[in-house]
C-alpha atoms as a PDB file:
ATOM      1  CA  SER A   1     -46.052 -43.119 -42.941  1.00  0.00           C
ATOM      2  CA  PHE A   2     -44.103 -43.184 -46.051  1.00  0.00           C
ATOM      3  CA  LYS A   3     -40.611 -43.779 -44.382  1.00  0.00           C
ATOM      4  CA  GLN A   4     -42.445 -46.482 -42.444  1.00  0.00           C
ATOM      5  CA  MET A   5     -43.991 -48.250 -45.893  1.00  0.00           C
ATOM      6  CA  ILE A   6     -40.563 -47.806 -47.467  1.00  0.00           C
ATOM      7  CA  ALA A   7     -38.861 -49.535 -44.538  1.00  0.00           C
ATOM      8  CA  MET A   8     -41.295 -52.502 -45.099  1.00  0.00           C
ATOM      9  CA  CYS A   9     -40.614 -52.887 -48.751  1.00  0.00           C
ATOM     10  CA  LEU A  10     -36.954 -53.225 -47.964  1.00  0.00           C
ATOM     11  CA  VAL A  11     -36.690 -55.970 -45.626  1.00  0.00           C
ATOM     12  CA  LYS A  12     -34.384 -58.312 -46.693  1.00  0.00           C
ATOM     13  CA  ASP A  13     -36.191 -61.660 -45.521  1.00  0.00           C
ATOM     14  CA  PRO A  14     -38.898 -62.247 -47.907  1.00  0.00           C
ATOM     15  CA  SER A  15     -40.785 -64.153 -45.464  1.00  0.00           C
ATOM     16  CA  ARG A  16     -40.826 -61.048 -43.253  1.00  0.00           C
ATOM     17  CA  ARG A  17     -41.405 -58.559 -45.844  1.00  0.00           C
ATOM     18  CA  PRO A  18     -44.999 -57.868 -46.763  1.00  0.00           C
ATOM     19  CA  SER A  19     -46.465 -58.936 -50.066  1.00  0.00           C
ATOM     20  CA  ALA A  20     -47.613 -56.137 -52.632  1.00  0.00           C
ATOM     21  CA  GLU A  21     -51.345 -56.783 -51.711  1.00  0.00           C
ATOM     22  CA  LYS A  22     -50.571 -56.015 -48.350  1.00  0.00           C
ATOM     23  CA  LEU A  23     -48.548 -53.349 -49.038  1.00  0.00           C
ATOM     24  CA  LEU A  24     -51.458 -51.736 -51.249  1.00  0.00           C
ATOM     25  CA  LYS A  25     -53.747 -51.493 -47.647  1.00  0.00           C
ATOM     26  CA  HIS A  26     -50.673 -49.464 -46.164  1.00  0.00           C
ATOM     27  CA  PRO A  27     -52.312 -46.181 -44.899  1.00  0.00           C
ATOM     28  CA  PHE A  28     -50.030 -44.305 -47.377  1.00  0.00           C
ATOM     29  CA  PHE A  29     -51.426 -45.792 -50.231  1.00  0.00           C
ATOM     30  CA  LYS A  30     -55.269 -45.767 -48.917  1.00  0.00           C
ATOM     31  CA  HIS A  31     -54.546 -41.603 -48.514  1.00  0.00           C
ATOM     32  CA  ALA A  32     -53.184 -41.153 -51.871  1.00  0.00           C
ATOM     33  CA  ARG A  33     -56.268 -40.241 -53.884  1.00  0.00           C
ATOM     34  CA  SER A  34     -54.060 -38.049 -56.235  1.00  0.00           C
ATOM     35  CA  ASN A  35     -50.897 -37.746 -57.673  1.00  0.00           C
ATOM     36  CA  ASP A  36     -50.435 -34.328 -56.405  1.00  0.00           C
ATOM     37  CA  TYR A  37     -50.523 -36.056 -52.717  1.00  0.00           C
ATOM     38  CA  LEU A  38     -47.972 -38.790 -53.497  1.00  0.00           C
ATOM     39  CA  VAL A  39     -45.581 -36.219 -55.482  1.00  0.00           C
ATOM     40  CA  ARG A  40     -45.828 -34.055 -52.228  1.00  0.00           C
ATOM     41  CA  THR A  41     -45.214 -36.580 -50.112  1.00  0.00           C
ATOM     42  CA  ILE A  42     -42.577 -38.326 -51.539  1.00  0.00           C
ATOM     43  CA  LEU A  43     -40.692 -35.107 -52.412  1.00  0.00           C
ATOM     44  CA  GLU A  44     -41.322 -33.526 -49.183  1.00  0.00           C
ATOM     45  CA  GLY A  45     -38.008 -33.017 -47.407  1.00  0.00           C
ATOM     46  CA  LEU A  46     -35.747 -33.740 -49.986  1.00  0.00           C
ATOM     47  CA  PRO A  47     -32.840 -31.224 -50.927  1.00  0.00           C
ATOM     48  CA  SER A  48     -33.410 -29.632 -54.170  1.00  0.00           C
ATOM     49  CA  LEU A  49     -31.718 -30.759 -57.465  1.00  0.00           C
ATOM     50  CA  GLY A  50     -29.141 -28.503 -56.958  1.00  0.00           C
ATOM     51  CA  ASP A  51     -28.063 -29.164 -53.483  1.00  0.00           C
ATOM     52  CA  ARG A  52     -27.882 -32.871 -54.709  1.00  0.00           C
ATOM     53  CA  ILE A  53     -25.576 -32.182 -57.293  1.00  0.00           C
ATOM     54  CA  LYS A  54     -23.458 -30.078 -55.542  1.00  0.00           C
ATOM     55  CA  ALA A  55     -23.167 -32.724 -52.614  1.00  0.00           C
ATOM     56  CA  LEU A  56     -21.980 -35.040 -55.527  1.00  0.00           C
ATOM     57  CA  LYS A  57     -18.926 -32.942 -55.903  1.00  0.00           C
END
């Protein structure tokens, strides 16, 4: 759901990209009742900071 919402935000053609109002009605935000939910959902699956730094070297 998060990836789908991000994909919608990244549509290059403004006429096809949803408005902020429409995006706020997306299920991702409807289920985001707390900051904890947002943090868990967004950070889930991301590599650790150490792994990301190693990948840059």
